[in-house]
Amino acid sequence: MRPQAQLMLDRFNAALASVDETTLVLLKGHLLIEEALVKIIELHTYHHEHLDAARLGFNQKACVARSLAFRRADIGEWELIQAINSLRNDLAHHLESDEREKKLSRLREVYLREAAGMGNVDEHRLDPPHLIASACALVLGVLSSIQEDSNALRGFIHSLDRTLNPDLEPFQRHVNRATRSKKASVLERKKQQKAKVPGRGGRSRKTE
């Protein structure tokens, strides 16, 4: 094996030699927050296949969900979400980074500010994994509350739809992800069929 390849392999093995609790907590917490953001957006939309086609990134999802948060668009937890995402992005793109401590300090600052009224917060016991876990838990609690408000609003809209459109079939109240995937597959097949036009000799050719 060439020396450079061996160095790369050694570095790879060293990176996998131990479980990094901070990384594990951050990645899982980030995923749970993203799921909660998507749920809020879905509760305000009705044709989710088009939402999926937009391929929104985490920051875009956070901005859209925040715009839908009604009276909670200016609470500090949105800043906390940004701090968590910033730390996650640094970790996802760099094994080692000079910016990591700065981003971690920013996360600590925002979390302590937002959790100031909580009696069970002990600043001195907040090592990185516990800090990240606590910050994610605080965010998820707030997002779950926004989900409840969004779900109630969706219920009002469905009730209004029954009043305005009594002769139509009720709109599906909840959308199952398996149903969405099936619908997306059907739409994709239809799109592919439309992309084919009759050619010479009875053969088909794709449009440009």
C-alpha atoms as a PDB file:
ATOM      1  CA  MET A   1       0.000   0.000   0.000  1.00  0.00           C
ATOM      2  CA  ARG A   2       1.255   3.465  -0.861  1.00  0.00           C
ATOM      3  CA  PRO A   3       2.345   5.670   2.062  1.00  0.00           C
ATOM      4  CA  GLN A   4      -0.335   8.292   1.405  1.00  0.00           C
ATOM      5  CA  ALA A   5      -3.044   5.651   1.233  1.00  0.00           C
ATOM      6  CA  GLN A   6      -1.782   4.113   4.481  1.00  0.00           C
ATOM      7  CA  LEU A   7      -1.860   7.503   6.203  1.00  0.00           C
ATOM      8  CA  MET A   8      -5.432   8.037   5.068  1.00  0.00           C
ATOM      9  CA  LEU A   9      -6.442   4.568   6.256  1.00  0.00           C
ATOM     10  CA  ASP A  10      -4.748   5.121   9.630  1.00  0.00           C
ATOM     11  CA  ARG A  11      -6.601   8.407  10.071  1.00  0.00           C
ATOM     12  CA  PHE A  12      -9.877   6.734   9.165  1.00  0.00           C
ATOM     13  CA  ASN A  13      -9.315   3.948  11.698  1.00  0.00           C
ATOM     14  CA  ALA A  14      -8.367   6.474  14.374  1.00  0.00           C
ATOM     15  CA  ALA A  15     -11.572   8.431  13.757  1.00  0.00           C
ATOM     16  CA  LEU A  16     -13.626   5.262  14.250  1.00  0.00           C
ATOM     17  CA  ALA A  17     -11.653   3.959  17.213  1.00  0.00           C
ATOM     18  CA  SER A  18     -13.923   5.489  19.828  1.00  0.00           C
ATOM     19  CA  VAL A  19     -17.534   6.579  20.044  1.00  0.00           C
ATOM     20  CA  ASP A  20     -17.805  10.363  20.196  1.00  0.00           C
ATOM     21  CA  GLU A  21     -20.775  10.989  22.502  1.00  0.00           C
ATOM     22  CA  THR A  22     -20.957  14.662  21.525  1.00  0.00           C
ATOM     23  CA  THR A  23     -21.250  13.780  17.844  1.00  0.00           C
ATOM     24  CA  LEU A  24     -23.844  11.086  18.480  1.00  0.00           C
ATOM     25  CA  VAL A  25     -26.063  13.333  20.619  1.00  0.00           C
ATOM     26  CA  LEU A  26     -25.768  16.230  18.166  1.00  0.00           C
ATOM     27  CA  LEU A  27     -26.601  14.211  15.060  1.00  0.00           C
ATOM     28  CA  LYS A  28     -29.592  12.464  16.652  1.00  0.00           C
ATOM     29  CA  GLY A  29     -30.893  15.653  18.225  1.00  0.00           C
ATOM     30  CA  HIS A  30     -30.528  17.481  14.912  1.00  0.00           C
ATOM     31  CA  LEU A  31     -32.509  14.751  13.116  1.00  0.00           C
ATOM     32  CA  LEU A  32     -35.321  14.893  15.689  1.00  0.00           C
ATOM     33  CA  ILE A  33     -35.513  18.674  15.364  1.00  0.00           C
ATOM     34  CA  GLU A  34     -35.676  18.375  11.572  1.00  0.00           C
ATOM     35  CA  GLU A  35     -38.527  15.864  11.873  1.00  0.00           C
ATOM     36  CA  ALA A  36     -40.421  18.277  14.128  1.00  0.00           C
ATOM     37  CA  LEU A  37     -39.908  21.160  11.685  1.00  0.00           C
ATOM     38  CA  VAL A  38     -41.206  19.040   8.811  1.00  0.00           C
ATOM     39  CA  LYS A  39     -44.262  18.060  10.837  1.00  0.00           C
ATOM     40  CA  ILE A  40     -45.135  21.725  11.452  1.00  0.00           C
ATOM     41  CA  ILE A  41     -44.809  22.515   7.749  1.00  0.00           C
ATOM     42  CA  GLU A  42     -46.896  19.483   6.765  1.00  0.00           C
ATOM     43  CA  LEU A  43     -49.685  20.546   9.105  1.00  0.00           C
ATOM     44  CA  HIS A  44     -49.965  23.776   7.118  1.00  0.00           C
ATOM     45  CA  THR A  45     -49.791  22.188   3.655  1.00  0.00           C
ATOM     46  CA  TYR A  46     -52.123  19.809   1.831  1.00  0.00           C
ATOM     47  CA  HIS A  47     -50.292  18.358  -1.162  1.00  0.00           C
ATOM     48  CA  HIS A  48     -47.059  17.138   0.360  1.00  0.00           C
ATOM     49  CA  GLU A  49     -45.645  15.619  -2.817  1.00  0.00           C
ATOM     50  CA  HIS A  50     -44.909  19.165  -3.995  1.00  0.00           C
ATOM     51  CA  LEU A  51     -43.260  19.955  -0.679  1.00  0.00           C
ATOM     52  CA  ASP A  52     -41.032  16.888  -1.064  1.00  0.00           C
ATOM     53  CA  ALA A  53     -40.113  18.010  -4.587  1.00  0.00           C
ATOM     54  CA  ALA A  54     -38.799  21.308  -3.194  1.00  0.00           C
ATOM     55  CA  ARG A  55     -35.982  19.386  -1.453  1.00  0.00           C
ATOM     56  CA  LEU A  56     -35.716  21.901   1.369  1.00  0.00           C
ATOM     57  CA  GLY A  57     -32.556  21.889   3.463  1.00  0.00           C
ATOM     58  CA  PHE A  58     -32.573  22.131   7.256  1.00  0.00           C
ATOM     59  CA  ASN A  59     -32.175  25.902   7.366  1.00  0.00           C
ATOM     60  CA  GLN A  60     -34.944  26.376   4.802  1.00  0.00           C
ATOM     61  CA  LYS A  61     -37.252  24.110   6.794  1.00  0.00           C
ATOM     62  CA  ALA A  62     -36.503  26.098   9.945  1.00  0.00           C
ATOM     63  CA  CYS A  63     -37.288  29.391   8.190  1.00  0.00           C
ATOM     64  CA  VAL A  64     -40.557  28.079   6.729  1.00  0.00           C
ATOM     65  CA  ALA A  65     -41.655  26.560  10.042  1.00  0.00           C
ATOM     66  CA  ARG A  66     -40.802  29.805  11.815  1.00  0.00           C
ATOM     67  CA  SER A  67     -42.918  31.768   9.336  1.00  0.00           C
ATOM     68  CA  LEU A  68     -45.858  29.508  10.249  1.00  0.00           C
ATOM     69  CA  ALA A  69     -45.400  29.763  14.015  1.00  0.00           C
ATOM     70  CA  PHE A  70     -47.995  32.554  14.399  1.00  0.00           C
ATOM     71  CA  ARG A  71     -47.302  34.139  17.827  1.00  0.00           C
ATOM     72  CA  ARG A  72     -44.049  32.223  18.371  1.00  0.00           C
ATOM     73  CA  ALA A  73     -41.978  33.433  15.451  1.00  0.00           C
ATOM     74  CA  ASP A  74     -39.782  35.658  17.614  1.00  0.00           C
ATOM     75  CA  ILE A  75     -39.008  33.380  20.554  1.00  0.00           C
ATOM     76  CA  GLY A  76     -35.367  32.613  21.331  1.00  0.00           C
ATOM     77  CA  GLU A  77     -35.615  28.911  20.555  1.00  0.00           C
ATOM     78  CA  TRP A  78     -35.318  29.725  16.841  1.00  0.00           C
ATOM     79  CA  GLU A  79     -31.904  31.203  17.574  1.00  0.00           C
ATOM     80  CA  LEU A  80     -31.095  28.051  19.520  1.00  0.00           C
ATOM     81  CA  ILE A  81     -32.046  25.959  16.481  1.00  0.00           C
ATOM     82  CA  GLN A  82     -29.643  28.032  14.387  1.00  0.00           C
ATOM     83  CA  ALA A  83     -26.856  27.467  16.924  1.00  0.00           C
ATOM     84  CA  ILE A  84     -27.470  23.704  16.943  1.00  0.00           C
ATOM     85  CA  ASN A  85     -27.488  23.606  13.140  1.00  0.00           C
ATOM     86  CA  SER A  86     -24.316  25.676  12.904  1.00  0.00           C
ATOM     87  CA  LEU A  87     -22.491  23.279  15.236  1.00  0.00           C
ATOM     88  CA  ARG A  88     -23.839  20.271  13.372  1.00  0.00           C
ATOM     89  CA  ASN A  89     -22.690  21.658  10.002  1.00  0.00           C
ATOM     90  CA  ASP A  90     -19.202  22.257  11.349  1.00  0.00           C
ATOM     91  CA  LEU A  91     -19.048  18.725  12.709  1.00  0.00           C
ATOM     92  CA  ALA A  92     -20.477  17.209   9.518  1.00  0.00           C
ATOM     93  CA  HIS A  93     -17.876  18.831   7.274  1.00  0.00           C
ATOM     94  CA  HIS A  94     -14.746  18.792   9.443  1.00  0.00           C
ATOM     95  CA  LEU A  95     -13.237  16.105  11.653  1.00  0.00           C
ATOM     96  CA  GLU A  96     -11.355  18.877  13.428  1.00  0.00           C
ATOM     97  CA  SER A  97     -12.174  22.555  13.356  1.00  0.00           C
ATOM     98  CA  ASP A  98     -10.925  25.754  14.973  1.00  0.00           C
ATOM     99  CA  GLU A  99     -14.505  27.032  14.875  1.00  0.00           C
ATOM    100  CA  ARG A 100     -16.028  24.200  16.897  1.00  0.00           C
ATOM    101  CA  GLU A 101     -15.329  25.614  20.353  1.00  0.00           C
ATOM    102  CA  LYS A 102     -16.647  28.984  19.256  1.00  0.00           C
ATOM    103  CA  LYS A 103     -19.870  27.423  17.976  1.00  0.00           C
ATOM    104  CA  LEU A 104     -20.209  25.331  21.123  1.00  0.00           C
ATOM    105  CA  SER A 105     -19.770  28.443  23.259  1.00  0.00           C
ATOM    106  CA  ARG A 106     -22.448  30.187  21.229  1.00  0.00           C
ATOM    107  CA  LEU A 107     -24.799  27.268  21.785  1.00  0.00           C
ATOM    108  CA  ARG A 108     -24.117  27.388  25.532  1.00  0.00           C
ATOM    109  CA  GLU A 109     -24.752  31.141  25.628  1.00  0.00           C
ATOM    110  CA  VAL A 110     -28.103  30.921  23.845  1.00  0.00           C
ATOM    111  CA  TYR A 111     -29.246  27.857  25.788  1.00  0.00           C
ATOM    112  CA  LEU A 112     -28.461  29.385  29.197  1.00  0.00           C
ATOM    113  CA  ARG A 113     -30.278  32.554  28.189  1.00  0.00           C
ATOM    114  CA  GLU A 114     -33.411  30.671  27.114  1.00  0.00           C
ATOM    115  CA  ALA A 115     -33.308  28.242  30.059  1.00  0.00           C
ATOM    116  CA  ALA A 116     -32.693  30.961  32.634  1.00  0.00           C
ATOM    117  CA  GLY A 117     -36.108  30.501  34.221  1.00  0.00           C
ATOM    118  CA  MET A 118     -35.764  26.730  34.555  1.00  0.00           C
ATOM    119  CA  GLY A 119     -34.814  25.709  38.078  1.00  0.00           C
ATOM    120  CA  ASN A 120     -33.051  22.431  37.175  1.00  0.00           C
ATOM    121  CA  VAL A 121     -30.293  23.938  35.017  1.00  0.00           C
ATOM    122  CA  ASP A 122     -26.808  23.546  36.484  1.00  0.00           C
ATOM    123  CA  GLU A 123     -24.324  25.425  34.300  1.00  0.00           C
ATOM    124  CA  HIS A 124     -21.326  23.681  35.855  1.00  0.00           C
ATOM    125  CA  ARG A 125     -22.575  20.207  34.922  1.00  0.00           C
ATOM    126  CA  LEU A 126     -23.170  21.057  31.271  1.00  0.00           C
ATOM    127  CA  ASP A 127     -20.384  19.215  29.473  1.00  0.00           C
ATOM    128  CA  PRO A 128     -20.815  19.229  25.651  1.00  0.00           C
ATOM    129  CA  PRO A 129     -23.036  16.109  25.369  1.00  0.00           C
ATOM    130  CA  HIS A 130     -25.333  17.261  28.185  1.00  0.00           C
ATOM    131  CA  LEU A 131     -25.428  20.812  26.833  1.00  0.00           C
ATOM    132  CA  ILE A 132     -26.440  19.637  23.371  1.00  0.00           C
ATOM    133  CA  ALA A 133     -28.998  17.175  24.744  1.00  0.00           C
ATOM    134  CA  SER A 134     -30.519  19.863  26.979  1.00  0.00           C
ATOM    135  CA  ALA A 135     -30.652  22.400  24.127  1.00  0.00           C
ATOM    136  CA  CYS A 136     -32.298  19.888  21.787  1.00  0.00           C
ATOM    137  CA  ALA A 137     -34.823  18.893  24.461  1.00  0.00           C
ATOM    138  CA  LEU A 138     -35.777  22.541  25.014  1.00  0.00           C
ATOM    139  CA  VAL A 139     -36.240  23.110  21.281  1.00  0.00           C
ATOM    140  CA  LEU A 140     -38.260  19.921  20.817  1.00  0.00           C
ATOM    141  CA  GLY A 141     -40.582  20.899  23.650  1.00  0.00           C
ATOM    142  CA  VAL A 142     -41.337  24.227  21.997  1.00  0.00           C
ATOM    143  CA  LEU A 143     -41.737  22.683  18.539  1.00  0.00           C
ATOM    144  CA  SER A 144     -44.181  20.102  19.908  1.00  0.00           C
ATOM    145  CA  SER A 145     -46.291  22.932  21.299  1.00  0.00           C
ATOM    146  CA  ILE A 146     -46.260  24.672  17.903  1.00  0.00           C
ATOM    147  CA  GLN A 147     -47.299  21.358  16.332  1.00  0.00           C
ATOM    148  CA  GLU A 148     -50.315  21.192  18.645  1.00  0.00           C
ATOM    149  CA  ASP A 149     -51.378  24.710  17.623  1.00  0.00           C
ATOM    150  CA  SER A 150     -50.858  23.875  13.956  1.00  0.00           C
ATOM    151  CA  ASN A 151     -52.876  20.689  14.265  1.00  0.00           C
ATOM    152  CA  ALA A 152     -55.756  22.580  15.892  1.00  0.00           C
ATOM    153  CA  LEU A 153     -55.699  25.140  13.072  1.00  0.00           C
ATOM    154  CA  ARG A 154     -55.734  22.345  10.502  1.00  0.00           C
ATOM    155  CA  GLY A 155     -58.813  20.949  12.214  1.00  0.00           C
ATOM    156  CA  PHE A 156     -60.593  24.294  11.870  1.00  0.00           C
ATOM    157  CA  ILE A 157     -59.710  24.435   8.179  1.00  0.00           C
ATOM    158  CA  HIS A 158     -61.064  20.941   7.572  1.00  0.00           C
ATOM    159  CA  SER A 159     -64.273  21.876   9.379  1.00  0.00           C
ATOM    160  CA  LEU A 160     -64.585  24.984   7.226  1.00  0.00           C
ATOM    161  CA  ASP A 161     -64.023  22.885   4.111  1.00  0.00           C
ATOM    162  CA  ARG A 162     -66.940  20.627   5.053  1.00  0.00           C
ATOM    163  CA  THR A 163     -69.142  23.713   5.374  1.00  0.00           C
ATOM    164  CA  LEU A 164     -68.009  25.266   2.089  1.00  0.00           C
ATOM    165  CA  ASN A 165     -67.850  22.027   0.098  1.00  0.00           C
ATOM    166  CA  PRO A 166     -70.499  19.676   1.533  1.00  0.00           C
ATOM    167  CA  ASP A 167     -70.914  17.849  -1.793  1.00  0.00           C
ATOM    168  CA  LEU A 168     -67.250  16.935  -2.121  1.00  0.00           C
ATOM    169  CA  GLU A 169     -65.447  14.037  -0.523  1.00  0.00           C
ATOM    170  CA  PRO A 170     -63.822  15.027   2.783  1.00  0.00           C
ATOM    171  CA  PHE A 171     -60.172  15.955   2.349  1.00  0.00           C
ATOM    172  CA  GLN A 172     -57.882  13.426   4.007  1.00  0.00           C
ATOM    173  CA  ARG A 173     -57.236  14.724   7.515  1.00  0.00           C
ATOM    174  CA  HIS A 174     -53.872  13.062   7.977  1.00  0.00           C
ATOM    175  CA  VAL A 175     -51.480  11.943   5.278  1.00  0.00           C
ATOM    176  CA  ASN A 176     -49.680   8.659   5.746  1.00  0.00           C
ATOM    177  CA  ARG A 177     -46.089   8.723   4.530  1.00  0.00           C
ATOM    178  CA  ALA A 178     -46.511   5.355   2.810  1.00  0.00           C
ATOM    179  CA  THR A 179     -49.470   6.811   0.910  1.00  0.00           C
ATOM    180  CA  ARG A 180     -47.361   9.823  -0.003  1.00  0.00           C
ATOM    181  CA  SER A 181     -44.574   7.614  -1.346  1.00  0.00           C
ATOM    182  CA  LYS A 182     -47.046   5.638  -3.451  1.00  0.00           C
ATOM    183  CA  LYS A 183     -48.593   8.838  -4.790  1.00  0.00           C
ATOM    184  CA  ALA A 184     -45.145  10.237  -5.600  1.00  0.00           C
ATOM    185  CA  SER A 185     -44.316   7.067  -7.546  1.00  0.00           C
ATOM    186  CA  VAL A 186     -47.532   7.352  -9.557  1.00  0.00           C
ATOM    187  CA  LEU A 187     -46.814  11.006 -10.345  1.00  0.00           C
ATOM    188  CA  GLU A 188     -43.283  10.131 -11.428  1.00  0.00           C
ATOM    189  CA  ARG A 189     -44.562   7.430 -13.798  1.00  0.00           C
ATOM    190  CA  LYS A 190     -47.070   9.849 -15.302  1.00  0.00           C
ATOM    191  CA  LYS A 191     -44.310  12.429 -15.753  1.00  0.00           C
ATOM    192  CA  GLN A 192     -42.155   9.870 -17.565  1.00  0.00           C
ATOM    193  CA  GLN A 193     -45.045   8.894 -19.823  1.00  0.00           C
ATOM    194  CA  LYS A 194     -45.662  12.533 -20.742  1.00  0.00           C
ATOM    195  CA  ALA A 195     -41.981  12.883 -21.565  1.00  0.00           C
ATOM    196  CA  LYS A 196     -42.420  10.343 -24.377  1.00  0.00           C
ATOM    197  CA  VAL A 197     -43.981  11.320 -27.707  1.00  0.00           C
ATOM    198  CA  PRO A 198     -44.725   9.133 -30.769  1.00  0.00           C
ATOM    199  CA  GLY A 199     -41.780   9.039 -33.157  1.00  0.00           C
ATOM    200  CA  ARG A 200     -41.360   7.752 -36.685  1.00  0.00           C
ATOM    201  CA  GLY A 201     -41.988   4.101 -37.317  1.00  0.00           C
ATOM    202  CA  GLY A 202     -44.250   3.817 -34.272  1.00  0.00           C
ATOM    203  CA  ARG A 203     -41.290   4.208 -31.926  1.00  0.00           C
ATOM    204  CA  SER A 204     -41.128   6.630 -28.992  1.00  0.00           C
ATOM    205  CA  ARG A 205     -38.545   9.228 -28.258  1.00  0.00           C
ATOM    206  CA  LYS A 206     -37.976  11.413 -25.219  1.00  0.00           C
ATOM    207  CA  THR A 207     -38.492  15.129 -25.451  1.00  0.00           C
ATOM    208  CA  GLU A 208     -35.531  17.367 -24.799  1.00  0.00           C
END
